[in-house]
């Protein structure tokens, strides 16, 4: 069993750091675009639309907040998102 698992791992393609940074930037831009149109969107709704996990969307939002491109205004349930800075698209 161990040999089969290891053999399968060898066949799994790996991503280069450049491609994951690229896709991360594209996902961030798509999140900003969606939140610009509909500021009341939830993380769950974003995840469903982007076909990502809620955790992946949370990580993207954390990056965007750290870059001062996004901020949350108000409460978790009743608040909305403000898209800040230059347009990414």
PDB file of N, CA and C in Angstrom:
ATOM      1  N   UNK A   1       0.821  -1.188   0.000  1.00  0.00           N
ATOM      2  CA  UNK A   1       0.000   0.000   0.000  1.00  0.00           C
ATOM      3  C   UNK A   1       0.866   1.253   0.000  1.00  0.00           C
ATOM      4  N   UNK A   2       1.913   1.246   0.782  1.00  0.00           N
ATOM      5  CA  UNK A   2       2.796   2.393   0.859  1.00  0.00           C
ATOM      6  C   UNK A   2       3.458   2.665  -0.486  1.00  0.00           C
ATOM      7  N   UNK A   3       3.845   1.613  -1.186  1.00  0.00           N
ATOM      8  CA  UNK A   3       4.499   1.778  -2.483  1.00  0.00           C
ATOM      9  C   UNK A   3       3.552   2.420  -3.493  1.00  0.00           C
ATOM     10  N   UNK A   4       2.283   2.048  -3.468  1.00  0.00           N
ATOM     11  CA  UNK A   4       1.313   2.608  -4.405  1.00  0.00           C
ATOM     12  C   UNK A   4       1.094   4.092  -4.139  1.00  0.00           C
ATOM     13  N   UNK A   5       1.006   4.466  -2.890  1.00  0.00           N
ATOM     14  CA  UNK A   5       0.792   5.865  -2.526  1.00  0.00           C
ATOM     15  C   UNK A   5       1.975   6.712  -2.973  1.00  0.00           C
ATOM     16  N   UNK A   6       3.165   6.210  -2.741  1.00  0.00           N
ATOM     17  CA  UNK A   6       4.367   6.941  -3.107  1.00  0.00           C
ATOM     18  C   UNK A   6       4.477   7.067  -4.623  1.00  0.00           C
ATOM     19  N   UNK A   7       4.162   6.006  -5.361  1.00  0.00           N
ATOM     20  CA  UNK A   7       4.222   6.042  -6.824  1.00  0.00           C
ATOM     21  C   UNK A   7       3.228   7.065  -7.368  1.00  0.00           C
ATOM     22  N   UNK A   8       2.049   7.127  -6.778  1.00  0.00           N
ATOM     23  CA  UNK A   8       1.044   8.093  -7.231  1.00  0.00           C
ATOM     24  C   UNK A   8       1.515   9.514  -6.965  1.00  0.00           C
ATOM     25  N   UNK A   9       2.210   9.717  -5.853  1.00  0.00           N
ATOM     26  CA  UNK A   9       2.710  11.052  -5.525  1.00  0.00           C
ATOM     27  C   UNK A   9       3.750  11.518  -6.528  1.00  0.00           C
ATOM     28  N   UNK A  10       4.523  10.587  -7.076  1.00  0.00           N
ATOM     29  CA  UNK A  10       5.538  10.950  -8.064  1.00  0.00           C
ATOM     30  C   UNK A  10       4.906  11.438  -9.360  1.00  0.00           C
ATOM     31  N   UNK A  11       3.719  10.958  -9.674  1.00  0.00           N
ATOM     32  CA  UNK A  11       3.059  11.317 -10.924  1.00  0.00           C
ATOM     33  C   UNK A  11       2.267  12.618 -10.829  1.00  0.00           C
ATOM     34  N   UNK A  12       2.067  13.112  -9.635  1.00  0.00           N
ATOM     35  CA  UNK A  12       1.292  14.327  -9.442  1.00  0.00           C
ATOM     36  C   UNK A  12       2.102  15.535  -9.900  1.00  0.00           C
ATOM     37  N   UNK A  13       1.575  16.323 -10.840  1.00  0.00           N
ATOM     38  CA  UNK A  13       2.325  17.508 -11.288  1.00  0.00           C
ATOM     39  C   UNK A  13       2.375  18.553 -10.186  1.00  0.00           C
ATOM     40  N   UNK A  14       3.477  19.237 -10.115  1.00  0.00           N
ATOM     41  CA  UNK A  14       3.615  20.297  -9.120  1.00  0.00           C
ATOM     42  C   UNK A  14       3.543  21.639  -9.815  1.00  0.00           C
ATOM     43  N   UNK A  15       3.085  22.636  -9.088  1.00  0.00           N
ATOM     44  CA  UNK A  15       2.999  23.992  -9.631  1.00  0.00           C
ATOM     45  C   UNK A  15       4.277  24.739  -9.330  1.00  0.00           C
ATOM     46  N   UNK A  16       4.658  25.552 -10.253  1.00  0.00           N
ATOM     47  CA  UNK A  16       5.801  26.412  -9.983  1.00  0.00           C
ATOM     48  C   UNK A  16       5.331  27.581  -9.126  1.00  0.00           C
ATOM     49  N   UNK A  17       6.214  28.163  -8.321  1.00  0.00           N
ATOM     50  CA  UNK A  17       5.803  29.306  -7.498  1.00  0.00           C
ATOM     51  C   UNK A  17       5.252  30.462  -8.326  1.00  0.00           C
ATOM     52  N   UNK A  18       5.787  30.634  -9.543  1.00  0.00           N
ATOM     53  CA  UNK A  18       5.311  31.726 -10.392  1.00  0.00           C
ATOM     54  C   UNK A  18       3.860  31.526 -10.795  1.00  0.00           C
ATOM     55  N   UNK A  19       3.482  30.285 -11.137  1.00  0.00           N
ATOM     56  CA  UNK A  19       2.112  30.059 -11.595  1.00  0.00           C
ATOM     57  C   UNK A  19       1.121  30.206 -10.454  1.00  0.00           C
ATOM     58  N   UNK A  20       1.509  29.808  -9.236  1.00  0.00           N
ATOM     59  CA  UNK A  20       0.560  29.958  -8.135  1.00  0.00           C
ATOM     60  C   UNK A  20       0.418  31.431  -7.736  1.00  0.00           C
ATOM     61  N   UNK A  21       1.472  32.215  -7.864  1.00  0.00           N
ATOM     62  CA  UNK A  21       1.376  33.657  -7.599  1.00  0.00           C
ATOM     63  C   UNK A  21       0.485  34.304  -8.644  1.00  0.00           C
ATOM     64  N   UNK A  22       0.634  33.867  -9.891  1.00  0.00           N
ATOM     65  CA  UNK A  22      -0.184  34.396 -10.984  1.00  0.00           C
ATOM     66  C   UNK A  22      -1.662  34.094 -10.736  1.00  0.00           C
ATOM     67  N   UNK A  23      -1.983  32.842 -10.412  1.00  0.00           N
ATOM     68  CA  UNK A  23      -3.387  32.484 -10.199  1.00  0.00           C
ATOM     69  C   UNK A  23      -3.926  33.157  -8.946  1.00  0.00           C
ATOM     70  N   UNK A  24      -3.069  33.361  -7.948  1.00  0.00           N
ATOM     71  CA  UNK A  24      -3.477  34.063  -6.738  1.00  0.00           C
ATOM     72  C   UNK A  24      -3.858  35.504  -7.075  1.00  0.00           C
ATOM     73  N   UNK A  25      -3.077  36.152  -7.926  1.00  0.00           N
ATOM     74  CA  UNK A  25      -3.376  37.516  -8.348  1.00  0.00           C
ATOM     75  C   UNK A  25      -4.653  37.596  -9.150  1.00  0.00           C
ATOM     76  N   UNK A  26      -4.875  36.598  -9.999  1.00  0.00           N
ATOM     77  CA  UNK A  26      -6.101  36.570 -10.789  1.00  0.00           C
ATOM     78  C   UNK A  26      -7.316  36.383  -9.884  1.00  0.00           C
ATOM     79  N   UNK A  27      -7.189  35.501  -8.897  1.00  0.00           N
ATOM     80  CA  UNK A  27      -8.287  35.275  -7.960  1.00  0.00           C
ATOM     81  C   UNK A  27      -8.563  36.538  -7.159  1.00  0.00           C
ATOM     82  N   UNK A  28      -7.508  37.214  -6.709  1.00  0.00           N
ATOM     83  CA  UNK A  28      -7.674  38.463  -5.970  1.00  0.00           C
ATOM     84  C   UNK A  28      -8.386  39.516  -6.798  1.00  0.00           C
ATOM     85  N   UNK A  29      -8.003  39.618  -8.063  1.00  0.00           N
ATOM     86  CA  UNK A  29      -8.643  40.591  -8.956  1.00  0.00           C
ATOM     87  C   UNK A  29     -10.113  40.252  -9.172  1.00  0.00           C
ATOM     88  N   UNK A  30     -10.404  38.968  -9.282  1.00  0.00           N
ATOM     89  CA  UNK A  30     -11.797  38.561  -9.478  1.00  0.00           C
ATOM     90  C   UNK A  30     -12.625  38.847  -8.218  1.00  0.00           C
ATOM     91  N   UNK A  31     -12.037  38.615  -7.051  1.00  0.00           N
ATOM     92  CA  UNK A  31     -12.730  38.925  -5.792  1.00  0.00           C
ATOM     93  C   UNK A  31     -13.018  40.420  -5.707  1.00  0.00           C
ATOM     94  N   UNK A  32     -12.024  41.243  -6.015  1.00  0.00           N
ATOM     95  CA  UNK A  32     -12.230  42.693  -5.975  1.00  0.00           C
ATOM     96  C   UNK A  32     -13.312  43.132  -6.948  1.00  0.00           C
ATOM     97  N   UNK A  33     -13.305  42.566  -8.130  1.00  0.00           N
ATOM     98  CA  UNK A  33     -14.309  42.911  -9.131  1.00  0.00           C
ATOM     99  C   UNK A  33     -15.716  42.557  -8.647  1.00  0.00           C
ATOM    100  N   UNK A  34     -15.864  41.365  -8.074  1.00  0.00           N
ATOM    101  CA  UNK A  34     -17.174  40.932  -7.587  1.00  0.00           C
ATOM    102  C   UNK A  34     -17.638  41.796  -6.420  1.00  0.00           C
ATOM    103  N   UNK A  35     -16.707  42.147  -5.514  1.00  0.00           N
ATOM    104  CA  UNK A  35     -17.085  42.953  -4.360  1.00  0.00           C
ATOM    105  C   UNK A  35     -17.360  44.403  -4.740  1.00  0.00           C
ATOM    106  N   UNK A  36     -16.753  44.880  -5.808  1.00  0.00           N
ATOM    107  CA  UNK A  36     -17.025  46.235  -6.310  1.00  0.00           C
ATOM    108  C   UNK A  36     -18.474  46.306  -6.802  1.00  0.00           C
ATOM    109  N   UNK A  37     -18.906  45.242  -7.492  1.00  0.00           N
ATOM    110  CA  UNK A  37     -20.274  45.193  -8.013  1.00  0.00           C
ATOM    111  C   UNK A  37     -21.301  44.955  -6.917  1.00  0.00           C
ATOM    112  N   UNK A  38     -20.974  44.055  -5.963  1.00  0.00           N
ATOM    113  CA  UNK A  38     -21.911  43.674  -4.915  1.00  0.00           C
ATOM    114  C   UNK A  38     -21.179  43.673  -3.569  1.00  0.00           C
ATOM    115  N   UNK A  39     -21.094  44.826  -2.906  1.00  0.00           N
ATOM    116  CA  UNK A  39     -20.317  44.935  -1.672  1.00  0.00           C
ATOM    117  C   UNK A  39     -20.818  44.083  -0.503  1.00  0.00           C
ATOM    118  N   UNK A  40     -22.050  43.619  -0.545  1.00  0.00           N
ATOM    119  CA  UNK A  40     -22.603  42.839   0.559  1.00  0.00           C
ATOM    120  C   UNK A  40     -22.353  41.333   0.415  1.00  0.00           C
ATOM    121  N   UNK A  41     -21.597  40.908  -0.594  1.00  0.00           N
ATOM    122  CA  UNK A  41     -21.337  39.477  -0.794  1.00  0.00           C
ATOM    123  C   UNK A  41     -20.655  38.870   0.420  1.00  0.00           C
ATOM    124  N   UNK A  42     -20.975  37.617   0.681  1.00  0.00           N
ATOM    125  CA  UNK A  42     -20.349  36.894   1.785  1.00  0.00           C
ATOM    126  C   UNK A  42     -19.182  36.065   1.265  1.00  0.00           C
ATOM    127  N   UNK A  43     -18.337  35.643   2.182  1.00  0.00           N
ATOM    128  CA  UNK A  43     -17.213  34.774   1.815  1.00  0.00           C
ATOM    129  C   UNK A  43     -17.739  33.471   1.230  1.00  0.00           C
ATOM    130  N   UNK A  44     -18.810  32.948   1.796  1.00  0.00           N
ATOM    131  CA  UNK A  44     -19.407  31.713   1.279  1.00  0.00           C
ATOM    132  C   UNK A  44     -19.873  31.874  -0.165  1.00  0.00           C
ATOM    133  N   UNK A  45     -20.515  33.000  -0.460  1.00  0.00           N
ATOM    134  CA  UNK A  45     -20.994  33.253  -1.817  1.00  0.00           C
ATOM    135  C   UNK A  45     -19.819  33.408  -2.787  1.00  0.00           C
ATOM    136  N   UNK A  46     -18.769  34.093  -2.354  1.00  0.00           N
ATOM    137  CA  UNK A  46     -17.573  34.238  -3.186  1.00  0.00           C
ATOM    138  C   UNK A  46     -16.957  32.870  -3.471  1.00  0.00           C
ATOM    139  N   UNK A  47     -16.829  32.053  -2.424  1.00  0.00           N
ATOM    140  CA  UNK A  47     -16.237  30.728  -2.569  1.00  0.00           C
ATOM    141  C   UNK A  47     -17.040  29.869  -3.539  1.00  0.00           C
ATOM    142  N   UNK A  48     -18.344  29.936  -3.415  1.00  0.00           N
ATOM    143  CA  UNK A  48     -19.211  29.151  -4.296  1.00  0.00           C
ATOM    144  C   UNK A  48     -19.061  29.598  -5.749  1.00  0.00           C
ATOM    145  N   UNK A  49     -19.055  30.891  -5.990  1.00  0.00           N
ATOM    146  CA  UNK A  49     -18.933  31.413  -7.350  1.00  0.00           C
ATOM    147  C   UNK A  49     -17.565  31.091  -7.959  1.00  0.00           C
ATOM    148  N   UNK A  50     -16.509  31.204  -7.152  1.00  0.00           N
ATOM    149  CA  UNK A  50     -15.148  30.985  -7.645  1.00  0.00           C
ATOM    150  C   UNK A  50     -14.741  29.519  -7.639  1.00  0.00           C
ATOM    151  N   UNK A  51     -15.613  28.670  -7.081  1.00  0.00           N
ATOM    152  CA  UNK A  51     -15.332  27.236  -6.955  1.00  0.00           C
ATOM    153  C   UNK A  51     -14.066  26.994  -6.136  1.00  0.00           C
ATOM    154  N   UNK A  52     -13.975  27.723  -5.007  1.00  0.00           N
ATOM    155  CA  UNK A  52     -12.870  27.594  -4.060  1.00  0.00           C
ATOM    156  C   UNK A  52     -13.447  27.281  -2.690  1.00  0.00           C
ATOM    157  N   UNK A  53     -12.576  26.868  -1.789  1.00  0.00           N
ATOM    158  CA  UNK A  53     -13.023  26.667  -0.409  1.00  0.00           C
ATOM    159  C   UNK A  53     -13.172  28.035   0.262  1.00  0.00           C
ATOM    160  N   UNK A  54     -13.955  28.064   1.318  1.00  0.00           N
ATOM    161  CA  UNK A  54     -14.102  29.318   2.047  1.00  0.00           C
ATOM    162  C   UNK A  54     -12.761  29.743   2.637  1.00  0.00           C
ATOM    163  N   UNK A  55     -11.946  28.779   3.036  1.00  0.00           N
ATOM    164  CA  UNK A  55     -10.625  29.095   3.597  1.00  0.00           C
ATOM    165  C   UNK A  55      -9.738  29.757   2.547  1.00  0.00           C
ATOM    166  N   UNK A  56      -9.792  29.289   1.307  1.00  0.00           N
ATOM    167  CA  UNK A  56      -8.989  29.896   0.234  1.00  0.00           C
ATOM    168  C   UNK A  56      -9.411  31.343   0.005  1.00  0.00           C
ATOM    169  N   UNK A  57     -10.717  31.594   0.044  1.00  0.00           N
ATOM    170  CA  UNK A  57     -11.215  32.961  -0.130  1.00  0.00           C
ATOM    171  C   UNK A  57     -10.795  33.827   1.055  1.00  0.00           C
ATOM    172  N   UNK A  58     -10.862  33.272   2.264  1.00  0.00           N
ATOM    173  CA  UNK A  58     -10.423  34.016   3.445  1.00  0.00           C
ATOM    174  C   UNK A  58      -8.957  34.422   3.330  1.00  0.00           C
ATOM    175  N   UNK A  59      -8.120  33.513   2.827  1.00  0.00           N
ATOM    176  CA  UNK A  59      -6.690  33.820   2.648  1.00  0.00           C
ATOM    177  C   UNK A  59      -6.497  34.926   1.617  1.00  0.00           C
ATOM    178  N   UNK A  60      -7.238  34.864   0.515  1.00  0.00           N
ATOM    179  CA  UNK A  60      -7.145  35.895  -0.516  1.00  0.00           C
ATOM    180  C   UNK A  60      -7.577  37.254   0.045  1.00  0.00           C
ATOM    181  N   UNK A  61      -8.654  37.257   0.817  1.00  0.00           N
ATOM    182  CA  UNK A  61      -9.139  38.504   1.409  1.00  0.00           C
ATOM    183  C   UNK A  61      -8.114  39.056   2.392  1.00  0.00           C
ATOM    184  N   UNK A  62      -7.477  38.185   3.159  1.00  0.00           N
ATOM    185  CA  UNK A  62      -6.437  38.634   4.084  1.00  0.00           C
ATOM    186  C   UNK A  62      -5.284  39.293   3.329  1.00  0.00           C
ATOM    187  N   UNK A  63      -4.899  38.727   2.181  1.00  0.00           N
ATOM    188  CA  UNK A  63      -3.834  39.326   1.357  1.00  0.00           C
ATOM    189  C   UNK A  63      -4.261  40.694   0.840  1.00  0.00           C
ATOM    190  N   UNK A  64      -5.497  40.777   0.367  1.00  0.00           N
ATOM    191  CA  UNK A  64      -6.001  42.045  -0.167  1.00  0.00           C
ATOM    192  C   UNK A  64      -6.090  43.112   0.928  1.00  0.00           C
ATOM    193  N   UNK A  65      -6.471  42.714   2.127  1.00  0.00           N
ATOM    194  CA  UNK A  65      -6.510  43.656   3.249  1.00  0.00           C
ATOM    195  C   UNK A  65      -5.097  44.132   3.592  1.00  0.00           C
ATOM    196  N   UNK A  66      -4.131  43.212   3.597  1.00  0.00           N
ATOM    197  CA  UNK A  66      -2.741  43.565   3.911  1.00  0.00           C
ATOM    198  C   UNK A  66      -2.165  44.528   2.878  1.00  0.00           C
ATOM    199  N   UNK A  67      -2.647  44.436   1.643  1.00  0.00           N
ATOM    200  CA  UNK A  67      -2.195  45.325   0.561  1.00  0.00           C
ATOM    201  C   UNK A  67      -3.005  46.622   0.526  1.00  0.00           C
ATOM    202  N   UNK A  68      -3.898  46.806   1.492  1.00  0.00           N
ATOM    203  CA  UNK A  68      -4.789  47.978   1.546  1.00  0.00           C
ATOM    204  C   UNK A  68      -5.617  48.131   0.278  1.00  0.00           C
ATOM    205  N   UNK A  69      -6.073  47.023  -0.262  1.00  0.00           N
ATOM    206  CA  UNK A  69      -6.930  47.057  -1.445  1.00  0.00           C
ATOM    207  C   UNK A  69      -8.378  46.742  -1.104  1.00  0.00           C
ATOM    208  N   UNK A  70      -8.617  46.311   0.170  1.00  0.00           N
ATOM    209  CA  UNK A  70      -9.954  45.902   0.576  1.00  0.00           C
ATOM    210  C   UNK A  70     -10.097  46.111   2.075  1.00  0.00           C
ATOM    211  N   UNK A  71     -11.301  46.508   2.504  1.00  0.00           N
ATOM    212  CA  UNK A  71     -11.573  46.597   3.933  1.00  0.00           C
ATOM    213  C   UNK A  71     -13.035  46.269   4.180  1.00  0.00           C
ATOM    214  N   UNK A  72     -13.306  45.789   5.373  1.00  0.00           N
ATOM    215  CA  UNK A  72     -14.657  45.448   5.791  1.00  0.00           C
ATOM    216  C   UNK A  72     -15.209  46.600   6.617  1.00  0.00           C
ATOM    217  N   UNK A  73     -16.422  47.034   6.306  1.00  0.00           N
ATOM    218  CA  UNK A  73     -17.087  48.110   7.034  1.00  0.00           C
ATOM    219  C   UNK A  73     -18.322  47.516   7.695  1.00  0.00           C
ATOM    220  N   UNK A  74     -18.419  47.691   9.006  1.00  0.00           N
ATOM    221  CA  UNK A  74     -19.594  47.211   9.724  1.00  0.00           C
ATOM    222  C   UNK A  74     -19.425  45.800  10.253  1.00  0.00           C
ATOM    223  N   UNK A  75     -20.536  45.269  10.711  1.00  0.00           N
ATOM    224  CA  UNK A  75     -20.557  43.946  11.334  1.00  0.00           C
ATOM    225  C   UNK A  75     -20.387  42.831  10.304  1.00  0.00           C
ATOM    226  N   UNK A  76     -20.088  41.638  10.808  1.00  0.00           N
ATOM    227  CA  UNK A  76     -19.912  40.497   9.923  1.00  0.00           C
ATOM    228  C   UNK A  76     -21.175  40.186   9.119  1.00  0.00           C
ATOM    229  N   UNK A  77     -22.325  40.262   9.754  1.00  0.00           N
ATOM    230  CA  UNK A  77     -23.566  39.931   9.049  1.00  0.00           C
ATOM    231  C   UNK A  77     -24.181  41.123   8.328  1.00  0.00           C
ATOM    232  N   UNK A  78     -24.088  42.298   8.888  1.00  0.00           N
ATOM    233  CA  UNK A  78     -24.773  43.438   8.307  1.00  0.00           C
ATOM    234  C   UNK A  78     -23.870  44.417   7.580  1.00  0.00           C
ATOM    235  N   UNK A  79     -22.573  44.134   7.516  1.00  0.00           N
ATOM    236  CA  UNK A  79     -21.633  45.071   6.915  1.00  0.00           C
ATOM    237  C   UNK A  79     -21.481  44.886   5.417  1.00  0.00           C
ATOM    238  N   UNK A  80     -20.470  45.562   4.882  1.00  0.00           N
ATOM    239  CA  UNK A  80     -20.175  45.452   3.457  1.00  0.00           C
ATOM    240  C   UNK A  80     -18.676  45.631   3.232  1.00  0.00           C
ATOM    241  N   UNK A  81     -18.239  45.379   2.023  1.00  0.00           N
ATOM    242  CA  UNK A  81     -16.832  45.503   1.641  1.00  0.00           C
ATOM    243  C   UNK A  81     -16.599  46.799   0.891  1.00  0.00           C
ATOM    244  N   UNK A  82     -15.479  47.463   1.171  1.00  0.00           N
ATOM    245  CA  UNK A  82     -15.029  48.621   0.414  1.00  0.00           C
ATOM    246  C   UNK A  82     -13.786  48.231  -0.372  1.00  0.00           C
ATOM    247  N   UNK A  83     -13.850  48.387  -1.678  1.00  0.00           N
ATOM    248  CA  UNK A  83     -12.683  48.141  -2.527  1.00  0.00           C
ATOM    249  C   UNK A  83     -11.900  49.439  -2.593  1.00  0.00           C
ATOM    250  N   UNK A  84     -10.628  49.374  -2.230  1.00  0.00           N
ATOM    251  CA  UNK A  84      -9.776  50.554  -2.129  1.00  0.00           C
ATOM    252  C   UNK A  84      -8.708  50.557  -3.218  1.00  0.00           C
ATOM    253  N   UNK A  85      -8.100  51.718  -3.415  1.00  0.00           N
ATOM    254  CA  UNK A  85      -6.934  51.812  -4.295  1.00  0.00           C
ATOM    255  C   UNK A  85      -7.257  51.740  -5.765  1.00  0.00           C
ATOM    256  N   UNK A  86      -6.213  51.587  -6.573  1.00  0.00           N
ATOM    257  CA  UNK A  86      -6.402  51.562  -8.029  1.00  0.00           C
ATOM    258  C   UNK A  86      -7.147  50.313  -8.461  1.00  0.00           C
ATOM    259  N   UNK A  87      -7.857  50.435  -9.548  1.00  0.00           N
ATOM    260  CA  UNK A  87      -8.605  49.294 -10.077  1.00  0.00           C
ATOM    261  C   UNK A  87      -7.618  48.239 -10.559  1.00  0.00           C
ATOM    262  N   UNK A  88      -7.830  46.947 -10.155  1.00  0.00           N
ATOM    263  CA  UNK A  88      -6.927  45.878 -10.569  1.00  0.00           C
ATOM    264  C   UNK A  88      -7.207  45.356 -11.974  1.00  0.00           C
ATOM    265  N   UNK A  89      -8.255  45.828 -12.615  1.00  0.00           N
ATOM    266  CA  UNK A  89      -8.619  45.317 -13.929  1.00  0.00           C
ATOM    267  C   UNK A  89      -8.475  46.326 -15.002  1.00  0.00           C
TER     268      UNK A  89
END
